[in-house]
């Protein structure tokens, strides 16, 4: 799956060095996720509802 047309961004919580981060690209049907250190590696996608559950879970642990 090639996704060069996606608009990738990092979390505002990412450090200035950009290490140990993921990048996400949001589309109408899914959230695509990739490793910011290896953008050539194939990203994966998760449904928007699944992503919302993940973000809620992580936020509750913060």
PDB file of N, CA and C in Angstrom:
ATOM      1  N   UNK A   1       0.844  -1.181   0.000  1.00  0.00           N
ATOM      2  CA  UNK A   1       0.000   0.000   0.000  1.00  0.00           C
ATOM      3  C   UNK A   1       0.883   1.236   0.000  1.00  0.00           C
ATOM      4  N   UNK A   2       0.854   2.015  -1.000  1.00  0.00           N
ATOM      5  CA  UNK A   2       1.608   3.248  -1.076  1.00  0.00           C
ATOM      6  C   UNK A   2       0.722   4.394  -0.616  1.00  0.00           C
ATOM      7  N   UNK A   3       1.268   5.278   0.211  1.00  0.00           N
ATOM      8  CA  UNK A   3       0.461   6.373   0.750  1.00  0.00           C
ATOM      9  C   UNK A   3       1.167   7.722   0.642  1.00  0.00           C
ATOM     10  N   UNK A   4       1.845   8.017  -0.477  1.00  0.00           N
ATOM     11  CA  UNK A   4       2.574   9.282  -0.557  1.00  0.00           C
ATOM     12  C   UNK A   4       1.673  10.506  -0.557  1.00  0.00           C
ATOM     13  N   UNK A   5       0.410  10.347  -0.896  1.00  0.00           N
ATOM     14  CA  UNK A   5      -0.504  11.486  -0.965  1.00  0.00           C
ATOM     15  C   UNK A   5      -1.069  11.894   0.389  1.00  0.00           C
ATOM     16  N   UNK A   6      -0.759  11.143   1.437  1.00  0.00           N
ATOM     17  CA  UNK A   6      -1.290  11.451   2.754  1.00  0.00           C
ATOM     18  C   UNK A   6      -0.537  12.613   3.393  1.00  0.00           C
ATOM     19  N   UNK A   7      -1.238  13.359   4.233  1.00  0.00           N
ATOM     20  CA  UNK A   7      -0.663  14.499   4.943  1.00  0.00           C
ATOM     21  C   UNK A   7      -0.230  14.030   6.338  1.00  0.00           C
ATOM     22  N   UNK A   8       1.033  13.651   6.475  1.00  0.00           N
ATOM     23  CA  UNK A   8       1.555  13.089   7.720  1.00  0.00           C
ATOM     24  C   UNK A   8       1.902  14.195   8.709  1.00  0.00           C
ATOM     25  N   UNK A   9       1.663  13.929   9.998  1.00  0.00           N
ATOM     26  CA  UNK A   9       2.094  14.870  11.035  1.00  0.00           C
ATOM     27  C   UNK A   9       2.451  14.125  12.306  1.00  0.00           C
ATOM     28  N   UNK A  10       3.283  14.765  13.123  1.00  0.00           N
ATOM     29  CA  UNK A  10       3.698  14.213  14.415  1.00  0.00           C
ATOM     30  C   UNK A  10       2.877  14.861  15.518  1.00  0.00           C
ATOM     31  N   UNK A  11       2.826  14.198  16.626  1.00  0.00           N
ATOM     32  CA  UNK A  11       2.147  14.728  17.802  1.00  0.00           C
ATOM     33  C   UNK A  11       2.838  16.001  18.280  1.00  0.00           C
ATOM     34  N   UNK A  12       2.065  16.895  18.847  1.00  0.00           N
ATOM     35  CA  UNK A  12       2.648  18.102  19.441  1.00  0.00           C
ATOM     36  C   UNK A  12       3.489  17.759  20.666  1.00  0.00           C
ATOM     37  N   UNK A  13       3.353  16.537  21.177  1.00  0.00           N
ATOM     38  CA  UNK A  13       4.152  16.087  22.317  1.00  0.00           C
ATOM     39  C   UNK A  13       5.517  15.546  21.886  1.00  0.00           C
ATOM     40  N   UNK A  14       5.791  15.468  20.604  1.00  0.00           N
ATOM     41  CA  UNK A  14       7.069  14.960  20.121  1.00  0.00           C
ATOM     42  C   UNK A  14       8.195  15.892  20.544  1.00  0.00           C
ATOM     43  N   UNK A  15       9.338  15.316  20.813  1.00  0.00           N
ATOM     44  CA  UNK A  15      10.482  16.138  21.200  1.00  0.00           C
ATOM     45  C   UNK A  15      11.052  16.855  19.982  1.00  0.00           C
ATOM     46  N   UNK A  16      11.861  17.851  20.223  1.00  0.00           N
ATOM     47  CA  UNK A  16      12.471  18.613  19.144  1.00  0.00           C
ATOM     48  C   UNK A  16      13.413  17.747  18.312  1.00  0.00           C
ATOM     49  N   UNK A  17      13.996  16.715  18.935  1.00  0.00           N
ATOM     50  CA  UNK A  17      14.893  15.819  18.214  1.00  0.00           C
ATOM     51  C   UNK A  17      14.132  14.908  17.261  1.00  0.00           C
ATOM     52  N   UNK A  18      12.856  14.685  17.492  1.00  0.00           N
ATOM     53  CA  UNK A  18      12.039  13.867  16.612  1.00  0.00           C
ATOM     54  C   UNK A  18      12.266  12.380  16.756  1.00  0.00           C
ATOM     55  N   UNK A  19      12.897  11.969  17.840  1.00  0.00           N
ATOM     56  CA  UNK A  19      13.164  10.544  18.028  1.00  0.00           C
ATOM     57  C   UNK A  19      11.991   9.855  18.721  1.00  0.00           C
ATOM     58  N   UNK A  20      11.877   8.580  18.489  1.00  0.00           N
ATOM     59  CA  UNK A  20      10.847   7.747  19.125  1.00  0.00           C
ATOM     60  C   UNK A  20       9.439   8.279  18.904  1.00  0.00           C
ATOM     61  N   UNK A  21       9.136   8.675  17.702  1.00  0.00           N
ATOM     62  CA  UNK A  21       7.814   9.230  17.404  1.00  0.00           C
ATOM     63  C   UNK A  21       7.109   8.414  16.323  1.00  0.00           C
ATOM     64  N   UNK A  22       5.832   8.576  16.312  1.00  0.00           N
ATOM     65  CA  UNK A  22       5.049   8.068  15.196  1.00  0.00           C
ATOM     66  C   UNK A  22       4.468   9.268  14.473  1.00  0.00           C
ATOM     67  N   UNK A  23       4.098   9.053  13.238  1.00  0.00           N
ATOM     68  CA  UNK A  23       3.395  10.054  12.468  1.00  0.00           C
ATOM     69  C   UNK A  23       2.049   9.467  12.087  1.00  0.00           C
ATOM     70  N   UNK A  24       1.059  10.322  12.004  1.00  0.00           N
ATOM     71  CA  UNK A  24      -0.269   9.872  11.609  1.00  0.00           C
ATOM     72  C   UNK A  24      -0.772  10.713  10.449  1.00  0.00           C
ATOM     73  N   UNK A  25      -1.642  10.120   9.685  1.00  0.00           N
ATOM     74  CA  UNK A  25      -2.333  10.796   8.591  1.00  0.00           C
ATOM     75  C   UNK A  25      -3.798  10.374   8.679  1.00  0.00           C
ATOM     76  N   UNK A  26      -4.663  11.335   8.774  1.00  0.00           N
ATOM     77  CA  UNK A  26      -6.086  11.052   8.973  1.00  0.00           C
ATOM     78  C   UNK A  26      -6.830  11.196   7.654  1.00  0.00           C
ATOM     79  N   UNK A  27      -7.602  10.174   7.345  1.00  0.00           N
ATOM     80  CA  UNK A  27      -8.465  10.219   6.169  1.00  0.00           C
ATOM     81  C   UNK A  27      -9.911  10.037   6.624  1.00  0.00           C
ATOM     82  N   UNK A  28     -10.810  10.101   5.707  1.00  0.00           N
ATOM     83  CA  UNK A  28     -12.232   9.968   6.040  1.00  0.00           C
ATOM     84  C   UNK A  28     -12.545   8.622   6.699  1.00  0.00           C
ATOM     85  N   UNK A  29     -11.851   7.563   6.290  1.00  0.00           N
ATOM     86  CA  UNK A  29     -12.187   6.223   6.778  1.00  0.00           C
ATOM     87  C   UNK A  29     -11.204   5.639   7.778  1.00  0.00           C
ATOM     88  N   UNK A  30      -9.975   6.187   7.857  1.00  0.00           N
ATOM     89  CA  UNK A  30      -8.961   5.541   8.690  1.00  0.00           C
ATOM     90  C   UNK A  30      -7.918   6.534   9.175  1.00  0.00           C
ATOM     91  N   UNK A  31      -7.148   6.075  10.159  1.00  0.00           N
ATOM     92  CA  UNK A  31      -5.973   6.797  10.616  1.00  0.00           C
ATOM     93  C   UNK A  31      -4.776   5.921  10.257  1.00  0.00           C
ATOM     94  N   UNK A  32      -3.869   6.470   9.483  1.00  0.00           N
ATOM     95  CA  UNK A  32      -2.680   5.753   9.046  1.00  0.00           C
ATOM     96  C   UNK A  32      -1.545   6.102  10.002  1.00  0.00           C
ATOM     97  N   UNK A  33      -0.735   5.109  10.349  1.00  0.00           N
ATOM     98  CA  UNK A  33       0.325   5.294  11.335  1.00  0.00           C
ATOM     99  C   UNK A  33       1.637   4.774  10.750  1.00  0.00           C
ATOM    100  N   UNK A  34       2.723   5.548  10.975  1.00  0.00           N
ATOM    101  CA  UNK A  34       4.047   5.092  10.534  1.00  0.00           C
ATOM    102  C   UNK A  34       5.112   5.553  11.529  1.00  0.00           C
ATOM    103  N   UNK A  35       6.254   4.919  11.446  1.00  0.00           N
ATOM    104  CA  UNK A  35       7.404   5.229  12.279  1.00  0.00           C
ATOM    105  C   UNK A  35       8.112   6.447  11.681  1.00  0.00           C
ATOM    106  N   UNK A  36       8.284   7.507  12.457  1.00  0.00           N
ATOM    107  CA  UNK A  36       8.901   8.724  11.930  1.00  0.00           C
ATOM    108  C   UNK A  36      10.384   8.538  11.605  1.00  0.00           C
ATOM    109  N   UNK A  37      11.011   7.543  12.199  1.00  0.00           N
ATOM    110  CA  UNK A  37      12.426   7.290  11.932  1.00  0.00           C
ATOM    111  C   UNK A  37      12.635   6.455  10.677  1.00  0.00           C
ATOM    112  N   UNK A  38      11.596   5.818  10.196  1.00  0.00           N
ATOM    113  CA  UNK A  38      11.720   4.942   9.032  1.00  0.00           C
ATOM    114  C   UNK A  38      10.464   5.087   8.174  1.00  0.00           C
ATOM    115  N   UNK A  39      10.338   6.211   7.509  1.00  0.00           N
ATOM    116  CA  UNK A  39       9.120   6.500   6.742  1.00  0.00           C
ATOM    117  C   UNK A  39       8.980   5.628   5.496  1.00  0.00           C
ATOM    118  N   UNK A  40      10.056   4.960   5.103  1.00  0.00           N
ATOM    119  CA  UNK A  40       9.970   4.055   3.955  1.00  0.00           C
ATOM    120  C   UNK A  40       9.277   2.746   4.333  1.00  0.00           C
ATOM    121  N   UNK A  41       9.239   2.456   5.623  1.00  0.00           N
ATOM    122  CA  UNK A  41       8.576   1.235   6.097  1.00  0.00           C
ATOM    123  C   UNK A  41       7.068   1.367   5.893  1.00  0.00           C
ATOM    124  N   UNK A  42       6.451   0.286   5.566  1.00  0.00           N
ATOM    125  CA  UNK A  42       5.016   0.285   5.272  1.00  0.00           C
ATOM    126  C   UNK A  42       4.203   0.725   6.505  1.00  0.00           C
ATOM    127  N   UNK A  43       3.343   1.716   6.355  1.00  0.00           N
ATOM    128  CA  UNK A  43       2.477   2.133   7.471  1.00  0.00           C
ATOM    129  C   UNK A  43       1.323   1.154   7.646  1.00  0.00           C
ATOM    130  N   UNK A  44       0.620   1.290   8.754  1.00  0.00           N
ATOM    131  CA  UNK A  44      -0.607   0.513   8.928  1.00  0.00           C
ATOM    132  C   UNK A  44      -1.750   1.486   9.151  1.00  0.00           C
ATOM    133  N   UNK A  45      -2.953   0.999   8.990  1.00  0.00           N
ATOM    134  CA  UNK A  45      -4.138   1.843   9.154  1.00  0.00           C
ATOM    135  C   UNK A  45      -5.089   1.188  10.134  1.00  0.00           C
ATOM    136  N   UNK A  46      -5.775   2.022  10.872  1.00  0.00           N
ATOM    137  CA  UNK A  46      -6.785   1.570  11.825  1.00  0.00           C
ATOM    138  C   UNK A  46      -8.026   2.429  11.601  1.00  0.00           C
ATOM    139  N   UNK A  47      -9.190   1.848  11.831  1.00  0.00           N
ATOM    140  CA  UNK A  47     -10.430   2.603  11.682  1.00  0.00           C
ATOM    141  C   UNK A  47     -10.477   3.770  12.649  1.00  0.00           C
ATOM    142  N   UNK A  48     -11.194   4.785  12.286  1.00  0.00           N
ATOM    143  CA  UNK A  48     -11.253   5.997  13.122  1.00  0.00           C
ATOM    144  C   UNK A  48     -11.828   5.703  14.504  1.00  0.00           C
ATOM    145  N   UNK A  49     -12.792   4.817  14.588  1.00  0.00           N
ATOM    146  CA  UNK A  49     -13.370   4.476  15.893  1.00  0.00           C
ATOM    147  C   UNK A  49     -12.335   3.767  16.768  1.00  0.00           C
ATOM    148  N   UNK A  50     -11.594   2.845  16.188  1.00  0.00           N
ATOM    149  CA  UNK A  50     -10.538   2.159  16.919  1.00  0.00           C
ATOM    150  C   UNK A  50      -9.472   3.123  17.396  1.00  0.00           C
ATOM    151  N   UNK A  51      -9.113   4.083  16.549  1.00  0.00           N
ATOM    152  CA  UNK A  51      -8.117   5.092  16.929  1.00  0.00           C
ATOM    153  C   UNK A  51      -8.639   5.940  18.089  1.00  0.00           C
ATOM    154  N   UNK A  52      -9.901   6.306  18.045  1.00  0.00           N
ATOM    155  CA  UNK A  52     -10.491   7.103  19.124  1.00  0.00           C
ATOM    156  C   UNK A  52     -10.431   6.347  20.452  1.00  0.00           C
ATOM    157  N   UNK A  53     -10.700   5.050  20.421  1.00  0.00           N
ATOM    158  CA  UNK A  53     -10.602   4.239  21.645  1.00  0.00           C
ATOM    159  C   UNK A  53      -9.167   4.194  22.144  1.00  0.00           C
ATOM    160  N   UNK A  54      -8.205   4.031  21.243  1.00  0.00           N
ATOM    161  CA  UNK A  54      -6.794   4.006  21.607  1.00  0.00           C
ATOM    162  C   UNK A  54      -6.381   5.325  22.259  1.00  0.00           C
ATOM    163  N   UNK A  55      -6.724   6.441  21.646  1.00  0.00           N
ATOM    164  CA  UNK A  55      -6.347   7.759  22.185  1.00  0.00           C
ATOM    165  C   UNK A  55      -6.993   7.966  23.551  1.00  0.00           C
ATOM    166  N   UNK A  56      -8.240   7.581  23.714  1.00  0.00           N
ATOM    167  CA  UNK A  56      -8.903   7.708  25.023  1.00  0.00           C
ATOM    168  C   UNK A  56      -8.202   6.878  26.089  1.00  0.00           C
ATOM    169  N   UNK A  57      -7.802   5.671  25.729  1.00  0.00           N
ATOM    170  CA  UNK A  57      -7.093   4.798  26.657  1.00  0.00           C
ATOM    171  C   UNK A  57      -5.765   5.426  27.079  1.00  0.00           C
ATOM    172  N   UNK A  58      -5.008   5.918  26.116  1.00  0.00           N
ATOM    173  CA  UNK A  58      -3.711   6.517  26.424  1.00  0.00           C
ATOM    174  C   UNK A  58      -3.887   7.781  27.263  1.00  0.00           C
ATOM    175  N   UNK A  59      -4.863   8.604  26.944  1.00  0.00           N
ATOM    176  CA  UNK A  59      -5.102   9.836  27.696  1.00  0.00           C
ATOM    177  C   UNK A  59      -5.471   9.541  29.145  1.00  0.00           C
ATOM    178  N   UNK A  60      -6.199   8.471  29.367  1.00  0.00           N
ATOM    179  CA  UNK A  60      -6.616   8.124  30.729  1.00  0.00           C
ATOM    180  C   UNK A  60      -5.430   7.659  31.576  1.00  0.00           C
ATOM    181  N   UNK A  61      -4.371   7.188  30.920  1.00  0.00           N
ATOM    182  CA  UNK A  61      -3.188   6.700  31.637  1.00  0.00           C
ATOM    183  C   UNK A  61      -2.186   7.807  31.899  1.00  0.00           C
ATOM    184  N   UNK A  62      -2.364   8.954  31.307  1.00  0.00           N
ATOM    185  CA  UNK A  62      -1.412  10.057  31.436  1.00  0.00           C
ATOM    186  C   UNK A  62      -1.573  10.765  32.745  1.00  0.00           C
TER     187      UNK A  62
END
